[in-house]
N, C-alpha and C. Protein backbone atom coordinates (compact mmCIF):
# COMPACT_ATOMS: atom_id res chain seq x y z
N MET A 1 -29.67 -49.61 -56.13
CA MET A 1 -28.46 -48.88 -55.79
C MET A 1 -28.07 -48.93 -54.40
N CYS A 2 -28.95 -48.84 -53.51
CA CYS A 2 -28.78 -48.93 -52.10
C CYS A 2 -29.17 -50.35 -51.61
N SER A 3 -28.37 -50.66 -50.56
CA SER A 3 -28.64 -51.96 -49.80
C SER A 3 -29.73 -51.61 -48.80
N PRO A 4 -30.37 -52.58 -48.11
CA PRO A 4 -31.39 -52.44 -47.13
C PRO A 4 -31.03 -51.49 -45.96
N GLU A 5 -29.73 -51.38 -45.73
CA GLU A 5 -29.18 -50.61 -44.67
C GLU A 5 -29.18 -49.21 -45.08
N PRO A 6 -30.02 -48.30 -44.29
CA PRO A 6 -29.89 -46.89 -44.72
C PRO A 6 -28.53 -46.09 -44.57
N ILE A 7 -27.61 -46.61 -43.81
CA ILE A 7 -26.42 -46.00 -43.61
C ILE A 7 -25.63 -46.06 -45.08
N ASN A 8 -25.90 -47.01 -45.82
CA ASN A 8 -25.11 -47.07 -47.13
C ASN A 8 -25.81 -46.21 -48.25
N CYS A 9 -27.09 -45.74 -47.99
CA CYS A 9 -27.64 -44.92 -48.98
C CYS A 9 -27.20 -43.58 -49.13
N PHE A 10 -26.76 -42.88 -48.05
CA PHE A 10 -26.26 -41.57 -48.03
C PHE A 10 -25.10 -41.31 -48.95
N PRO A 11 -24.12 -42.20 -48.81
CA PRO A 11 -22.93 -42.02 -49.72
C PRO A 11 -23.28 -42.07 -51.19
N VAL A 12 -24.17 -43.14 -51.57
CA VAL A 12 -24.68 -43.30 -52.89
C VAL A 12 -25.33 -42.03 -53.36
N LEU A 13 -26.19 -41.44 -52.62
CA LEU A 13 -27.07 -40.33 -52.85
C LEU A 13 -26.01 -39.06 -53.13
N VAL A 14 -25.05 -38.97 -52.28
CA VAL A 14 -24.19 -37.80 -52.43
C VAL A 14 -23.37 -38.00 -53.85
N ASN A 15 -23.01 -39.29 -54.05
CA ASN A 15 -22.25 -39.57 -55.12
C ASN A 15 -23.00 -39.24 -56.45
N ILE A 16 -24.33 -39.62 -56.50
CA ILE A 16 -25.13 -39.31 -57.64
C ILE A 16 -25.32 -37.70 -57.76
N LEU A 17 -25.58 -37.17 -56.72
CA LEU A 17 -25.73 -35.64 -56.85
C LEU A 17 -24.50 -34.94 -57.28
N SER A 18 -23.36 -35.39 -56.73
CA SER A 18 -22.11 -34.79 -57.01
C SER A 18 -21.79 -34.94 -58.52
N ASN A 19 -21.94 -36.14 -59.09
CA ASN A 19 -21.72 -36.42 -60.50
C ASN A 19 -22.72 -35.63 -61.41
N THR A 20 -23.92 -35.50 -60.89
CA THR A 20 -24.86 -34.69 -61.73
C THR A 20 -24.47 -33.30 -61.90
N PHE A 21 -24.11 -32.68 -60.75
CA PHE A 21 -23.63 -31.25 -60.73
C PHE A 21 -22.32 -31.13 -61.57
N LEU A 22 -21.50 -32.02 -61.56
CA LEU A 22 -20.24 -31.98 -62.41
C LEU A 22 -20.63 -32.11 -63.81
N ARG A 23 -21.52 -32.78 -64.25
CA ARG A 23 -22.10 -32.92 -65.63
C ARG A 23 -22.63 -31.62 -66.04
N LEU A 24 -23.44 -31.07 -65.10
CA LEU A 24 -24.13 -29.75 -65.33
C LEU A 24 -23.12 -28.56 -65.75
N PHE A 25 -22.01 -28.61 -65.05
CA PHE A 25 -20.93 -27.61 -65.23
C PHE A 25 -19.93 -28.08 -66.29
N ASN A 26 -20.24 -29.09 -67.08
CA ASN A 26 -19.37 -29.57 -68.16
C ASN A 26 -17.98 -30.00 -67.80
N SER A 27 -17.97 -30.59 -66.60
CA SER A 27 -16.65 -31.06 -66.13
C SER A 27 -16.37 -32.53 -66.55
N THR A 28 -15.15 -32.87 -66.69
CA THR A 28 -14.84 -34.21 -67.16
C THR A 28 -14.54 -35.12 -65.95
N ALA A 29 -14.41 -34.47 -64.64
CA ALA A 29 -14.13 -35.21 -63.51
C ALA A 29 -15.33 -36.03 -63.00
N ARG A 30 -15.08 -37.10 -62.44
CA ARG A 30 -16.18 -37.93 -61.72
C ARG A 30 -15.89 -38.41 -60.37
N PHE A 31 -16.76 -38.50 -59.52
CA PHE A 31 -16.63 -39.17 -58.22
C PHE A 31 -16.87 -40.60 -58.42
N ARG A 32 -15.98 -41.52 -57.64
CA ARG A 32 -16.26 -42.90 -57.58
C ARG A 32 -16.50 -43.21 -56.13
N LEU A 33 -17.38 -44.31 -55.95
CA LEU A 33 -17.72 -44.61 -54.62
C LEU A 33 -17.47 -46.23 -54.40
N TRP A 34 -16.75 -46.64 -53.35
CA TRP A 34 -16.42 -47.89 -52.94
C TRP A 34 -17.27 -48.44 -51.83
N SER A 35 -17.66 -49.58 -51.77
CA SER A 35 -18.38 -50.00 -50.55
C SER A 35 -17.59 -51.11 -49.81
N GLN A 36 -16.16 -50.96 -49.87
CA GLN A 36 -15.28 -51.82 -49.17
C GLN A 36 -14.72 -51.03 -48.01
N LEU A 37 -14.28 -51.78 -47.01
CA LEU A 37 -13.61 -51.18 -45.92
C LEU A 37 -12.24 -50.59 -46.41
N PHE A 38 -11.65 -49.61 -45.66
CA PHE A 38 -10.43 -49.02 -46.03
C PHE A 38 -9.31 -50.04 -45.75
N TYR A 39 -9.41 -50.64 -44.53
CA TYR A 39 -8.29 -51.55 -44.04
C TYR A 39 -8.78 -52.99 -44.13
N THR A 40 -8.62 -53.54 -45.31
CA THR A 40 -9.09 -54.95 -45.36
C THR A 40 -8.04 -55.98 -45.01
N GLY A 41 -6.82 -55.52 -45.07
CA GLY A 41 -5.80 -56.37 -44.70
C GLY A 41 -5.46 -56.49 -43.22
N GLU A 42 -4.77 -57.38 -42.76
CA GLU A 42 -4.26 -57.40 -41.25
C GLU A 42 -3.18 -56.48 -41.12
N ASN A 43 -3.23 -55.47 -40.34
CA ASN A 43 -2.07 -54.57 -40.07
C ASN A 43 -1.86 -54.55 -38.47
N PRO A 44 -0.86 -55.22 -38.04
CA PRO A 44 -0.65 -55.30 -36.54
C PRO A 44 -0.26 -53.94 -36.02
N GLU A 45 0.33 -53.02 -36.85
CA GLU A 45 0.66 -51.75 -36.26
C GLU A 45 -0.50 -50.90 -35.99
N LEU A 46 -1.52 -50.96 -37.01
CA LEU A 46 -2.76 -50.31 -36.83
C LEU A 46 -3.53 -50.82 -35.55
N LYS A 47 -3.65 -52.07 -35.36
CA LYS A 47 -4.24 -52.64 -34.25
C LYS A 47 -3.55 -52.22 -32.90
N HIS A 48 -2.20 -52.17 -33.02
CA HIS A 48 -1.41 -51.65 -31.92
C HIS A 48 -1.93 -50.17 -31.44
N TYR A 49 -1.93 -49.29 -32.47
CA TYR A 49 -2.21 -47.81 -32.15
C TYR A 49 -3.72 -47.82 -31.68
N ILE A 50 -4.68 -48.61 -32.23
CA ILE A 50 -6.10 -48.42 -31.84
C ILE A 50 -6.17 -49.08 -30.51
N PHE A 51 -5.47 -50.15 -30.11
CA PHE A 51 -5.65 -50.73 -28.78
C PHE A 51 -5.10 -49.71 -27.71
N PHE A 52 -3.87 -49.13 -27.91
CA PHE A 52 -3.34 -48.25 -26.94
C PHE A 52 -4.05 -46.81 -26.88
N GLY A 53 -4.62 -46.49 -27.99
CA GLY A 53 -5.45 -45.32 -27.98
C GLY A 53 -6.75 -45.53 -27.01
N LEU A 54 -7.39 -46.66 -27.28
CA LEU A 54 -8.57 -46.88 -26.56
C LEU A 54 -8.25 -47.14 -25.18
N PHE A 55 -7.20 -47.85 -24.89
CA PHE A 55 -6.70 -47.99 -23.43
C PHE A 55 -6.42 -46.75 -22.76
N THR A 56 -5.71 -45.87 -23.43
CA THR A 56 -5.48 -44.59 -22.74
C THR A 56 -6.78 -43.76 -22.44
N TYR A 57 -7.64 -43.90 -23.37
CA TYR A 57 -8.99 -43.23 -23.21
C TYR A 57 -9.79 -43.80 -21.97
N LEU A 58 -9.62 -45.09 -21.89
CA LEU A 58 -10.29 -45.79 -20.75
C LEU A 58 -9.63 -45.47 -19.38
N LEU A 59 -8.37 -45.27 -19.44
CA LEU A 59 -7.56 -44.88 -18.18
C LEU A 59 -7.97 -43.42 -17.72
N VAL A 60 -8.18 -42.59 -18.77
CA VAL A 60 -8.61 -41.19 -18.32
C VAL A 60 -10.01 -41.19 -17.84
N LEU A 61 -10.88 -41.99 -18.55
CA LEU A 61 -12.29 -42.14 -18.03
C LEU A 61 -12.29 -42.79 -16.55
N ALA A 62 -11.51 -43.68 -16.36
CA ALA A 62 -11.46 -44.30 -15.09
C ALA A 62 -11.02 -43.43 -13.92
N ALA A 63 -10.12 -42.55 -14.32
CA ALA A 63 -9.46 -41.69 -13.36
C ALA A 63 -10.47 -40.53 -13.06
N GLY A 64 -11.42 -40.28 -13.99
CA GLY A 64 -12.24 -39.15 -13.72
C GLY A 64 -13.68 -39.57 -13.10
N LEU A 65 -14.07 -40.79 -13.07
CA LEU A 65 -15.32 -41.16 -12.60
C LEU A 65 -15.32 -41.22 -11.05
N PRO A 66 -14.29 -41.73 -10.34
CA PRO A 66 -14.48 -41.79 -8.89
C PRO A 66 -14.57 -40.50 -8.18
N PRO A 67 -14.04 -39.30 -8.65
CA PRO A 67 -14.26 -38.18 -8.02
C PRO A 67 -15.73 -37.69 -8.13
N LEU A 68 -16.32 -38.05 -9.36
CA LEU A 68 -17.71 -37.71 -9.62
C LEU A 68 -18.59 -38.37 -8.60
N PHE A 69 -18.28 -39.56 -8.28
CA PHE A 69 -19.22 -40.36 -7.24
C PHE A 69 -18.94 -39.77 -5.95
N ALA A 70 -17.69 -39.44 -5.64
CA ALA A 70 -17.32 -38.89 -4.37
C ALA A 70 -18.02 -37.51 -4.13
N MET A 71 -18.02 -36.65 -5.15
CA MET A 71 -18.73 -35.40 -4.94
C MET A 71 -20.18 -35.54 -4.73
N SER A 72 -20.69 -36.56 -5.39
CA SER A 72 -22.18 -36.75 -5.09
C SER A 72 -22.43 -37.25 -3.77
N SER A 73 -21.57 -38.06 -3.17
CA SER A 73 -21.80 -38.43 -1.69
C SER A 73 -21.51 -37.26 -0.75
N VAL A 74 -20.61 -36.43 -1.14
CA VAL A 74 -20.36 -35.30 -0.22
C VAL A 74 -21.61 -34.36 -0.24
N GLU A 75 -22.08 -34.14 -1.39
CA GLU A 75 -23.29 -33.34 -1.56
C GLU A 75 -24.52 -33.87 -0.89
N ASP A 76 -24.72 -35.21 -0.93
CA ASP A 76 -25.71 -35.87 -0.17
C ASP A 76 -25.59 -35.74 1.39
N TYR A 77 -24.29 -35.75 1.81
CA TYR A 77 -23.95 -35.52 3.26
C TYR A 77 -24.29 -34.18 3.67
N LYS A 78 -24.07 -33.14 2.76
CA LYS A 78 -24.29 -31.80 3.19
C LYS A 78 -25.74 -31.55 3.34
N VAL A 79 -26.55 -32.14 2.40
CA VAL A 79 -27.96 -31.80 2.62
C VAL A 79 -28.75 -32.78 3.52
N LYS A 80 -27.89 -33.60 4.12
CA LYS A 80 -28.38 -34.67 5.15
C LYS A 80 -29.54 -35.47 4.60
N SER A 81 -29.25 -36.05 3.42
CA SER A 81 -30.34 -36.89 2.80
C SER A 81 -30.03 -38.34 3.09
């Protein structure tokens, strides 16, 4: 049921347990599990949003790191290390 990768076993286990509990409560509903990626096709608009989202995150990160290093240098100067 599971591939050698442990990350794939948890969804399978949850699927089995959920369907077992549904059967115990006499429900006709069932859960189904797919092992395919959600976005299998090429979607340029999705790539555009992911690229600019990561780019914005890196800009914010780059803007926040220099003050961190500067404060470390100022602290070293104060304690005369």
